[in-house]
Amino acid sequence: MPSSNPQRWFLEQVEREHRRLRAFIHSLGVRSEDVDDIAQEVFLVSFRKLDEFDRDGDFGAWVRQIARRIVAGERRKESRRNRLLSDHVTDLLLEIEEARLPCMGCQDHEEDELAALRNCLSKMARPAQDLLRQRYFEELSPGEIGSRLGKTSSSIRQALLRLRRSLLACMTRSRELRMG
């Protein structure tokens, strides 16, 4: 039975949704070390706006929408850009997330998107996969990658831009095929 005390009810929802929200925030391109800060901000905003939420609604979808707005705001704030993996990757992930809005909270859809991403990555040449891995999983700067590969940071940035565009196009085609 749901709690009649709004604060207790809210804490129950936070406890239930915390892990999923953290994973969602990370999927938007927020650096691992900043995910907890963003999640905390999301829960603070949601607590302040709790009177706007219908308890019969989907609390998880509501806080994920708040998270989307906060991450988009972070993207626009120059002073906080270091929280994001990359401006371009965050833009790409936010675009993909916006396209998913009609299916908020739909776990099968999330699994389809991850499967499509894995499929698109697997179609890329090994050097492209390695470049993406170094940038987004090892979190190396374009300059560091360039030093490893004997290339300029500018050429690495251009290569990453082309790869992100390629991934977005592949993901879009995959989504269109799934939708009919």
N, C-alpha and C. Protein backbone atom coordinates (compact mmCIF):
# COMPACT_ATOMS: atom_id res chain seq x y z
N MET A 1 0.84 -1.18 0.00
CA MET A 1 0.00 0.00 0.00
C MET A 1 0.89 1.25 0.00
N PRO A 2 0.64 2.17 -0.93
CA PRO A 2 1.46 3.37 -1.00
C PRO A 2 1.31 4.22 0.25
N SER A 3 2.37 4.88 0.63
CA SER A 3 2.38 5.72 1.81
C SER A 3 1.53 6.97 1.59
N SER A 4 0.82 7.40 2.63
CA SER A 4 0.02 8.61 2.53
C SER A 4 0.87 9.85 2.82
N ASN A 5 2.02 9.66 3.42
CA ASN A 5 2.95 10.75 3.70
C ASN A 5 3.74 11.06 2.43
N PRO A 6 3.60 12.27 1.87
CA PRO A 6 4.26 12.59 0.60
C PRO A 6 5.79 12.43 0.65
N GLN A 7 6.40 12.81 1.76
CA GLN A 7 7.86 12.68 1.85
C GLN A 7 8.27 11.21 1.88
N ARG A 8 7.56 10.40 2.63
CA ARG A 8 7.88 8.98 2.70
C ARG A 8 7.66 8.34 1.32
N TRP A 9 6.54 8.69 0.67
CA TRP A 9 6.25 8.15 -0.66
C TRP A 9 7.39 8.52 -1.62
N PHE A 10 7.82 9.78 -1.57
CA PHE A 10 8.90 10.24 -2.44
C PHE A 10 10.18 9.44 -2.19
N LEU A 11 10.53 9.25 -0.94
CA LEU A 11 11.74 8.48 -0.61
C LEU A 11 11.64 7.04 -1.11
N GLU A 12 10.45 6.46 -1.05
CA GLU A 12 10.25 5.10 -1.59
C GLU A 12 10.49 5.09 -3.09
N GLN A 13 10.01 6.12 -3.78
CA GLN A 13 10.20 6.21 -5.23
C GLN A 13 11.67 6.40 -5.59
N VAL A 14 12.34 7.25 -4.82
CA VAL A 14 13.77 7.49 -5.06
C VAL A 14 14.54 6.19 -4.89
N GLU A 15 14.24 5.47 -3.83
CA GLU A 15 14.93 4.20 -3.59
C GLU A 15 14.68 3.22 -4.73
N ARG A 16 13.46 3.19 -5.23
CA ARG A 16 13.10 2.27 -6.31
C ARG A 16 13.74 2.67 -7.65
N GLU A 17 13.86 3.95 -7.92
CA GLU A 17 14.30 4.43 -9.24
C GLU A 17 15.76 4.84 -9.30
N HIS A 18 16.45 4.92 -8.17
CA HIS A 18 17.79 5.49 -8.14
C HIS A 18 18.76 4.82 -9.11
N ARG A 19 18.85 3.51 -9.07
CA ARG A 19 19.80 2.80 -9.95
C ARG A 19 19.47 3.01 -11.43
N ARG A 20 18.20 2.90 -11.75
CA ARG A 20 17.80 3.04 -13.14
C ARG A 20 18.07 4.48 -13.64
N LEU A 21 17.80 5.46 -12.77
CA LEU A 21 18.05 6.85 -13.15
C LEU A 21 19.55 7.07 -13.39
N ARG A 22 20.39 6.53 -12.51
CA ARG A 22 21.83 6.68 -12.68
C ARG A 22 22.28 6.08 -14.02
N ALA A 23 21.77 4.91 -14.35
CA ALA A 23 22.13 4.27 -15.63
C ALA A 23 21.65 5.13 -16.81
N PHE A 24 20.46 5.67 -16.67
CA PHE A 24 19.90 6.52 -17.72
C PHE A 24 20.77 7.77 -17.92
N ILE A 25 21.14 8.42 -16.83
CA ILE A 25 21.96 9.63 -16.91
C ILE A 25 23.30 9.30 -17.57
N HIS A 26 23.90 8.20 -17.19
CA HIS A 26 25.17 7.79 -17.80
C HIS A 26 24.99 7.55 -19.29
N SER A 27 23.84 6.98 -19.67
CA SER A 27 23.60 6.70 -21.09
C SER A 27 23.47 7.97 -21.92
N LEU A 28 23.24 9.11 -21.27
CA LEU A 28 23.15 10.38 -21.98
C LEU A 28 24.52 11.03 -22.19
N GLY A 29 25.57 10.37 -21.73
CA GLY A 29 26.91 10.87 -21.98
C GLY A 29 27.53 11.61 -20.82
N VAL A 30 26.94 11.50 -19.65
CA VAL A 30 27.52 12.15 -18.48
C VAL A 30 28.66 11.28 -17.96
N ARG A 31 29.76 11.92 -17.62
CA ARG A 31 30.91 11.19 -17.10
C ARG A 31 30.53 10.44 -15.84
N SER A 32 31.10 9.26 -15.67
CA SER A 32 30.79 8.39 -14.52
C SER A 32 30.92 9.12 -13.20
N GLU A 33 31.96 9.93 -13.06
CA GLU A 33 32.19 10.61 -11.79
C GLU A 33 31.17 11.71 -11.50
N ASP A 34 30.36 12.09 -12.48
CA ASP A 34 29.36 13.15 -12.29
C ASP A 34 27.94 12.63 -12.28
N VAL A 35 27.74 11.35 -12.51
CA VAL A 35 26.39 10.78 -12.57
C VAL A 35 25.64 10.99 -11.26
N ASP A 36 26.31 10.73 -10.12
CA ASP A 36 25.63 10.89 -8.83
C ASP A 36 25.20 12.34 -8.60
N ASP A 37 26.04 13.29 -8.98
CA ASP A 37 25.69 14.70 -8.81
C ASP A 37 24.45 15.06 -9.62
N ILE A 38 24.41 14.61 -10.85
CA ILE A 38 23.25 14.89 -11.70
C ILE A 38 22.01 14.19 -11.15
N ALA A 39 22.14 12.94 -10.71
CA ALA A 39 21.00 12.22 -10.14
C ALA A 39 20.47 12.95 -8.91
N GLN A 40 21.38 13.42 -8.07
CA GLN A 40 20.96 14.15 -6.88
C GLN A 40 20.21 15.43 -7.29
N GLU A 41 20.71 16.12 -8.29
CA GLU A 41 20.03 17.32 -8.77
C GLU A 41 18.64 16.99 -9.30
N VAL A 42 18.53 15.88 -10.03
CA VAL A 42 17.22 15.45 -10.55
C VAL A 42 16.25 15.21 -9.41
N PHE A 43 16.71 14.50 -8.37
CA PHE A 43 15.81 14.21 -7.25
C PHE A 43 15.46 15.47 -6.46
N LEU A 44 16.38 16.42 -6.36
CA LEU A 44 16.06 17.68 -5.69
C LEU A 44 15.01 18.46 -6.47
N VAL A 45 15.17 18.54 -7.79
CA VAL A 45 14.19 19.22 -8.63
C VAL A 45 12.83 18.52 -8.53
N SER A 46 12.85 17.19 -8.61
CA SER A 46 11.59 16.46 -8.55
C SER A 46 10.91 16.63 -7.19
N PHE A 47 11.69 16.71 -6.12
CA PHE A 47 11.09 16.92 -4.80
C PHE A 47 10.45 18.30 -4.73
N ARG A 48 11.14 19.31 -5.27
CA ARG A 48 10.56 20.67 -5.26
C ARG A 48 9.28 20.74 -6.10
N LYS A 49 9.19 19.91 -7.13
CA LYS A 49 8.04 19.93 -8.02
C LYS A 49 7.06 18.79 -7.75
N LEU A 50 7.20 18.15 -6.61
CA LEU A 50 6.40 16.97 -6.31
C LEU A 50 4.90 17.23 -6.39
N ASP A 51 4.47 18.44 -6.04
CA ASP A 51 3.04 18.76 -6.10
C ASP A 51 2.53 18.78 -7.54
N GLU A 52 3.42 18.85 -8.53
CA GLU A 52 3.04 18.83 -9.95
C GLU A 52 2.88 17.41 -10.48
N PHE A 53 3.31 16.42 -9.70
CA PHE A 53 3.30 15.04 -10.17
C PHE A 53 2.06 14.30 -9.66
N ASP A 54 1.39 13.60 -10.56
CA ASP A 54 0.25 12.76 -10.21
C ASP A 54 0.79 11.40 -9.76
N ARG A 55 0.52 11.01 -8.53
CA ARG A 55 1.07 9.76 -7.99
C ARG A 55 0.65 8.53 -8.77
N ASP A 56 -0.38 8.64 -9.58
CA ASP A 56 -0.78 7.50 -10.40
C ASP A 56 0.06 7.41 -11.67
N GLY A 57 0.88 8.43 -11.93
CA GLY A 57 1.74 8.46 -13.11
C GLY A 57 3.00 7.62 -12.92
N ASP A 58 3.82 7.63 -13.95
CA ASP A 58 5.07 6.87 -13.95
C ASP A 58 6.19 7.76 -13.40
N PHE A 59 6.54 7.58 -12.14
CA PHE A 59 7.55 8.39 -11.48
C PHE A 59 8.90 8.27 -12.20
N GLY A 60 9.26 7.07 -12.60
CA GLY A 60 10.53 6.86 -13.30
C GLY A 60 10.61 7.66 -14.59
N ALA A 61 9.55 7.63 -15.38
CA ALA A 61 9.54 8.39 -16.64
C ALA A 61 9.61 9.88 -16.35
N TRP A 62 8.94 10.31 -15.29
CA TRP A 62 8.94 11.73 -14.92
C TRP A 62 10.35 12.19 -14.55
N VAL A 63 11.05 11.44 -13.70
CA VAL A 63 12.39 11.87 -13.31
C VAL A 63 13.38 11.74 -14.47
N ARG A 64 13.16 10.80 -15.38
CA ARG A 64 14.03 10.71 -16.56
C ARG A 64 13.84 11.93 -17.46
N GLN A 65 12.60 12.42 -17.55
CA GLN A 65 12.35 13.65 -18.34
C GLN A 65 13.07 14.83 -17.68
N ILE A 66 13.03 14.90 -16.37
CA ILE A 66 13.76 15.96 -15.66
C ILE A 66 15.26 15.81 -15.93
N ALA A 67 15.75 14.58 -15.90
CA ALA A 67 17.17 14.33 -16.17
C ALA A 67 17.54 14.79 -17.57
N ARG A 68 16.69 14.51 -18.55
CA ARG A 68 16.95 14.96 -19.93
C ARG A 68 17.15 16.47 -19.97
N ARG A 69 16.26 17.18 -19.28
CA ARG A 69 16.34 18.65 -19.28
C ARG A 69 17.61 19.13 -18.59
N ILE A 70 17.95 18.50 -17.48
CA ILE A 70 19.15 18.92 -16.75
C ILE A 70 20.40 18.65 -17.58
N VAL A 71 20.48 17.49 -18.21
CA VAL A 71 21.66 17.18 -19.03
C VAL A 71 21.73 18.13 -20.23
N ALA A 72 20.59 18.43 -20.83
CA ALA A 72 20.58 19.39 -21.94
C ALA A 72 21.04 20.76 -21.44
N GLY A 73 20.63 21.14 -20.24
CA GLY A 73 21.07 22.40 -19.65
C GLY A 73 22.57 22.39 -19.40
N GLU A 74 23.08 21.26 -18.91
CA GLU A 74 24.52 21.12 -18.69
C GLU A 74 25.26 21.32 -20.01
N ARG A 75 24.69 20.80 -21.04
CA ARG A 75 25.30 20.89 -22.37
C ARG A 75 25.46 22.35 -22.78
N ARG A 76 24.50 23.17 -22.38
CA ARG A 76 24.53 24.58 -22.78
C ARG A 76 25.42 25.43 -21.87
N LYS A 77 25.77 24.93 -20.73
CA LYS A 77 26.55 25.74 -19.78
C LYS A 77 28.04 25.50 -19.96
N GLU A 78 28.71 26.51 -20.40
CA GLU A 78 30.15 26.40 -20.67
C GLU A 78 30.94 25.95 -19.45
N SER A 79 30.56 26.44 -18.29
CA SER A 79 31.34 26.15 -17.09
C SER A 79 31.23 24.70 -16.63
N ARG A 80 30.26 23.99 -17.12
CA ARG A 80 30.07 22.62 -16.68
C ARG A 80 30.39 21.60 -17.77
N ARG A 81 30.90 22.01 -18.89
CA ARG A 81 31.11 21.08 -20.00
C ARG A 81 32.01 19.91 -19.65
N ASN A 82 32.86 20.06 -18.66
CA ASN A 82 33.76 18.96 -18.33
C ASN A 82 33.04 17.76 -17.74
N ARG A 83 31.78 17.89 -17.39
CA ARG A 83 31.00 16.74 -16.90
C ARG A 83 30.60 15.80 -18.04
N LEU A 84 30.58 16.31 -19.26
CA LEU A 84 30.08 15.54 -20.39
C LEU A 84 31.24 14.87 -21.12
N LEU A 85 30.97 13.67 -21.63
CA LEU A 85 32.00 12.94 -22.36
C LEU A 85 32.49 13.74 -23.55
N SER A 86 31.55 14.28 -24.31
CA SER A 86 31.88 15.04 -25.50
C SER A 86 30.63 15.79 -25.91
N ASP A 87 30.82 17.02 -26.36
CA ASP A 87 29.66 17.79 -26.82
C ASP A 87 28.92 17.03 -27.91
N HIS A 88 29.67 16.51 -28.87
CA HIS A 88 29.03 15.84 -30.00
C HIS A 88 28.34 14.54 -29.57
N VAL A 89 28.98 13.78 -28.72
CA VAL A 89 28.37 12.52 -28.27
C VAL A 89 27.12 12.82 -27.45
N THR A 90 27.19 13.81 -26.57
CA THR A 90 26.02 14.16 -25.77
C THR A 90 24.90 14.63 -26.67
N ASP A 91 25.21 15.45 -27.67
CA ASP A 91 24.19 15.87 -28.62
C ASP A 91 23.56 14.67 -29.31
N LEU A 92 24.40 13.75 -29.75
CA LEU A 92 23.92 12.55 -30.42
C LEU A 92 23.01 11.74 -29.50
N LEU A 93 23.45 11.51 -28.27
CA LEU A 93 22.65 10.72 -27.33
C LEU A 93 21.35 11.43 -26.96
N LEU A 94 21.39 12.75 -26.83
CA LEU A 94 20.15 13.49 -26.56
C LEU A 94 19.20 13.42 -27.74
N GLU A 95 19.74 13.50 -28.97
CA GLU A 95 18.90 13.37 -30.17
C GLU A 95 18.23 11.99 -30.21
N ILE A 96 19.02 10.96 -29.94
CA ILE A 96 18.47 9.60 -29.92
C ILE A 96 17.40 9.50 -28.85
N GLU A 97 17.67 10.07 -27.68
CA GLU A 97 16.71 10.01 -26.58
C GLU A 97 15.44 10.76 -26.92
N GLU A 98 15.55 11.92 -27.58
CA GLU A 98 14.37 12.68 -27.98
C GLU A 98 13.51 11.86 -28.94
N ALA A 99 14.14 11.12 -29.83
CA ALA A 99 13.40 10.29 -30.78
C ALA A 99 12.66 9.17 -30.07
N ARG A 100 13.10 8.83 -28.85
CA ARG A 100 12.48 7.74 -28.09
C ARG A 100 11.32 8.21 -27.23
N LEU A 101 11.08 9.51 -27.14
CA LEU A 101 10.08 10.04 -26.21
C LEU A 101 8.74 9.32 -26.23
N PRO A 102 8.20 8.95 -27.39
CA PRO A 102 6.90 8.28 -27.35
C PRO A 102 6.93 6.96 -26.57
N CYS A 103 8.11 6.43 -26.34
CA CYS A 103 8.21 5.14 -25.66
C CYS A 103 8.95 5.27 -24.34
N MET A 104 8.76 6.38 -23.62
CA MET A 104 9.48 6.58 -22.37
C MET A 104 9.25 5.40 -21.44
N GLY A 105 10.34 4.90 -20.88
CA GLY A 105 10.24 3.82 -19.91
C GLY A 105 10.00 2.45 -20.53
N CYS A 106 10.02 2.37 -21.82
CA CYS A 106 9.74 1.11 -22.50
C CYS A 106 11.04 0.29 -22.56
N GLN A 107 11.15 -0.71 -21.69
CA GLN A 107 12.40 -1.46 -21.57
C GLN A 107 12.76 -2.18 -22.86
N ASP A 108 11.77 -2.74 -23.56
CA ASP A 108 12.06 -3.41 -24.82
C ASP A 108 12.68 -2.45 -25.83
N HIS A 109 12.19 -1.21 -25.83
CA HIS A 109 12.72 -0.20 -26.75
C HIS A 109 14.17 0.12 -26.40
N GLU A 110 14.46 0.24 -25.10
CA GLU A 110 15.83 0.51 -24.68
C GLU A 110 16.76 -0.62 -25.11
N GLU A 111 16.30 -1.85 -24.97
CA GLU A 111 17.10 -2.99 -25.38
C GLU A 111 17.29 -2.99 -26.89
N ASP A 112 16.25 -2.60 -27.65
CA ASP A 112 16.37 -2.50 -29.10
C ASP A 112 17.41 -1.46 -29.50
N GLU A 113 17.39 -0.31 -28.81
CA GLU A 113 18.35 0.75 -29.11
C GLU A 113 19.78 0.29 -28.82
N LEU A 114 19.98 -0.39 -27.69
CA LEU A 114 21.32 -0.89 -27.36
C LEU A 114 21.75 -1.94 -28.37
N ALA A 115 20.83 -2.80 -28.77
CA ALA A 115 21.16 -3.82 -29.77
C ALA A 115 21.52 -3.16 -31.10
N ALA A 116 20.79 -2.11 -31.46
CA ALA A 116 21.09 -1.39 -32.71
C ALA A 116 22.46 -0.72 -32.62
N LEU A 117 22.76 -0.13 -31.47
CA LEU A 117 24.07 0.50 -31.30
C LEU A 117 25.18 -0.53 -31.41
N ARG A 118 25.01 -1.66 -30.74
CA ARG A 118 26.02 -2.72 -30.82
C ARG A 118 26.19 -3.19 -32.26
N ASN A 119 25.07 -3.35 -32.96
CA ASN A 119 25.11 -3.80 -34.35
C ASN A 119 25.84 -2.78 -35.22
N CYS A 120 25.52 -1.51 -35.03
CA CYS A 120 26.18 -0.46 -35.82
C CYS A 120 27.68 -0.43 -35.53
N LEU A 121 28.04 -0.55 -34.27
CA LEU A 121 29.46 -0.57 -33.91
C LEU A 121 30.17 -1.78 -34.51
N SER A 122 29.49 -2.93 -34.51
CA SER A 122 30.12 -4.14 -35.04
C SER A 122 30.37 -4.06 -36.54
N LYS A 123 29.61 -3.23 -37.24
CA LYS A 123 29.79 -3.07 -38.68
C LYS A 123 30.97 -2.16 -39.03
N MET A 124 31.44 -1.43 -38.03
CA MET A 124 32.56 -0.51 -38.28
C MET A 124 33.87 -1.28 -38.35
N ALA A 125 34.79 -0.71 -39.10
CA ALA A 125 36.13 -1.29 -39.20
C ALA A 125 36.80 -1.27 -37.83
N ARG A 126 37.70 -2.20 -37.61
CA ARG A 126 38.38 -2.33 -36.32
C ARG A 126 39.06 -1.03 -35.88
N PRO A 127 39.76 -0.33 -36.78
CA PRO A 127 40.39 0.93 -36.35
C PRO A 127 39.36 1.96 -35.86
N ALA A 128 38.19 2.00 -36.50
CA ALA A 128 37.14 2.93 -36.06
C ALA A 128 36.63 2.53 -34.67
N GLN A 129 36.43 1.25 -34.46
CA GLN A 129 36.00 0.76 -33.14
C GLN A 129 37.03 1.12 -32.08
N ASP A 130 38.30 0.93 -32.41
CA ASP A 130 39.37 1.24 -31.46
C ASP A 130 39.41 2.73 -31.13
N LEU A 131 39.20 3.57 -32.14
CA LEU A 131 39.20 5.01 -31.93
C LEU A 131 38.05 5.41 -30.99
N LEU A 132 36.87 4.88 -31.23
CA LEU A 132 35.71 5.18 -30.36
C LEU A 132 35.95 4.66 -28.94
N ARG A 133 36.52 3.47 -28.83
CA ARG A 133 36.80 2.90 -27.51
C ARG A 133 37.77 3.79 -26.73
N GLN A 134 38.82 4.22 -27.40
CA GLN A 134 39.82 5.06 -26.73
C GLN A 134 39.20 6.39 -26.27
N ARG A 135 38.36 6.96 -27.10
CA ARG A 135 37.79 8.27 -26.76
C ARG A 135 36.70 8.17 -25.69
N TYR A 136 35.78 7.23 -25.84
CA TYR A 136 34.60 7.24 -24.99
C TYR A 136 34.61 6.22 -23.86
N PHE A 137 35.44 5.23 -23.93
CA PHE A 137 35.51 4.27 -22.83
C PHE A 137 36.77 4.48 -22.00
N GLU A 138 37.88 4.76 -22.67
CA GLU A 138 39.12 5.07 -21.96
C GLU A 138 39.19 6.55 -21.61
N GLU A 139 38.30 7.35 -22.21
CA GLU A 139 38.19 8.80 -21.98
C GLU A 139 39.49 9.54 -22.28
N LEU A 140 40.17 9.12 -23.36
CA LEU A 140 41.38 9.81 -23.79
C LEU A 140 40.99 11.02 -24.64
N SER A 141 41.76 12.06 -24.54
CA SER A 141 41.50 13.26 -25.35
C SER A 141 41.95 12.99 -26.79
N PRO A 142 41.44 13.77 -27.74
CA PRO A 142 41.92 13.62 -29.12
C PRO A 142 43.44 13.79 -29.22
N GLY A 143 44.00 14.67 -28.41
CA GLY A 143 45.46 14.85 -28.42
C GLY A 143 46.19 13.60 -27.96
N GLU A 144 45.68 12.96 -26.90
CA GLU A 144 46.30 11.74 -26.39
C GLU A 144 46.20 10.61 -27.42
N ILE A 145 45.05 10.50 -28.05
CA ILE A 145 44.86 9.46 -29.07
C ILE A 145 45.80 9.74 -30.24
N GLY A 146 45.86 11.01 -30.65
CA GLY A 146 46.75 11.39 -31.75
C GLY A 146 48.20 11.03 -31.45
N SER A 147 48.62 11.27 -30.21
CA SER A 147 50.00 10.92 -29.83
C SER A 147 50.24 9.43 -29.96
N ARG A 148 49.26 8.64 -29.53
CA ARG A 148 49.38 7.19 -29.65
C ARG A 148 49.48 6.73 -31.09
N LEU A 149 48.71 7.41 -31.96
CA LEU A 149 48.60 6.96 -33.35
C LEU A 149 49.50 7.73 -34.31
N GLY A 150 50.22 8.72 -33.78
CA GLY A 150 51.07 9.51 -34.65
C GLY A 150 50.28 10.43 -35.57
N LYS A 151 49.15 10.96 -35.08
CA LYS A 151 48.30 11.86 -35.86
C LYS A 151 48.04 13.12 -35.06
N THR A 152 47.54 14.14 -35.72
CA THR A 152 47.23 15.38 -35.02
C THR A 152 45.89 15.24 -34.29
N SER A 153 45.73 16.04 -33.24
CA SER A 153 44.46 16.01 -32.51
C SER A 153 43.33 16.47 -33.42
N SER A 154 43.61 17.38 -34.34
CA SER A 154 42.61 17.86 -35.29
C SER A 154 42.10 16.72 -36.18
N SER A 155 43.03 15.89 -36.66
CA SER A 155 42.61 14.77 -37.52
C SER A 155 41.81 13.75 -36.72
N ILE A 156 42.14 13.58 -35.45
CA ILE A 156 41.38 12.66 -34.59
C ILE A 156 39.97 13.20 -34.36
N ARG A 157 39.87 14.51 -34.08
CA ARG A 157 38.54 15.12 -33.89
C ARG A 157 37.69 14.96 -35.14
N GLN A 158 38.27 15.17 -36.31
CA GLN A 158 37.53 15.02 -37.56
C GLN A 158 37.08 13.57 -37.76
N ALA A 159 37.97 12.64 -37.45
CA ALA A 159 37.62 11.22 -37.59
C ALA A 159 36.48 10.86 -36.63
N LEU A 160 36.54 11.37 -35.41
CA LEU A 160 35.48 11.10 -34.44
C LEU A 160 34.16 11.70 -34.89
N LEU A 161 34.20 12.90 -35.45
CA LEU A 161 32.99 13.53 -35.97
C LEU A 161 32.36 12.67 -37.06
N ARG A 162 33.19 12.18 -37.99
CA ARG A 162 32.67 11.32 -39.06
C ARG A 162 32.09 10.02 -38.49
N LEU A 163 32.75 9.45 -37.50
CA LEU A 163 32.26 8.21 -36.90
C LEU A 163 30.94 8.43 -36.17
N ARG A 164 30.80 9.54 -35.45
CA ARG A 164 29.54 9.84 -34.76
C ARG A 164 28.41 10.01 -35.76
N ARG A 165 28.70 10.71 -36.85
CA ARG A 165 27.67 10.88 -37.90
C ARG A 165 27.27 9.54 -38.50
N SER A 166 28.26 8.70 -38.71
CA SER A 166 28.00 7.37 -39.25
C SER A 166 27.14 6.54 -38.29
N LEU A 167 27.48 6.61 -37.01
CA LEU A 167 26.69 5.89 -36.01
C LEU A 167 25.25 6.40 -35.97
N LEU A 168 25.08 7.71 -35.99
CA LEU A 168 23.74 8.29 -35.96
C LEU A 168 22.94 7.84 -37.17
N ALA A 169 23.55 7.85 -38.36
CA ALA A 169 22.86 7.42 -39.57
C ALA A 169 22.47 5.95 -39.47
N CYS A 170 23.37 5.12 -38.98
CA CYS A 170 23.09 3.70 -38.83
C CYS A 170 21.96 3.47 -37.83
N MET A 171 22.00 4.18 -36.71
CA MET A 171 20.96 4.04 -35.69
C MET A 171 19.61 4.50 -36.24
N THR A 172 19.61 5.56 -37.01
CA THR A 172 18.37 6.07 -37.61
C THR A 172 17.80 5.05 -38.58
N ARG A 173 18.65 4.48 -39.44
CA ARG A 173 18.19 3.45 -40.38
C ARG A 173 17.62 2.24 -39.62
N SER A 174 18.30 1.85 -38.57
CA SER A 174 17.86 0.71 -37.77
C SER A 174 16.48 0.98 -37.15
N ARG A 175 16.31 2.20 -36.63
CA ARG A 175 15.03 2.59 -36.02
C ARG A 175 13.92 2.59 -37.07
N GLU A 176 14.24 3.12 -38.27
CA GLU A 176 13.25 3.17 -39.33
C GLU A 176 12.84 1.77 -39.76
N LEU A 177 13.79 0.84 -39.82
CA LEU A 177 13.49 -0.54 -40.19
C LEU A 177 12.58 -1.20 -39.13
N ARG A 178 12.85 -0.92 -37.85
CA ARG A 178 12.03 -1.48 -36.78
C ARG A 178 10.61 -0.93 -36.80
N MET A 179 10.47 0.34 -37.17
CA MET A 179 9.16 1.00 -37.13
C MET A 179 8.31 0.66 -38.35
N GLY A 180 8.90 0.04 -39.32
CA GLY A 180 8.10 -0.39 -40.45
C GLY A 180 8.53 0.20 -41.68
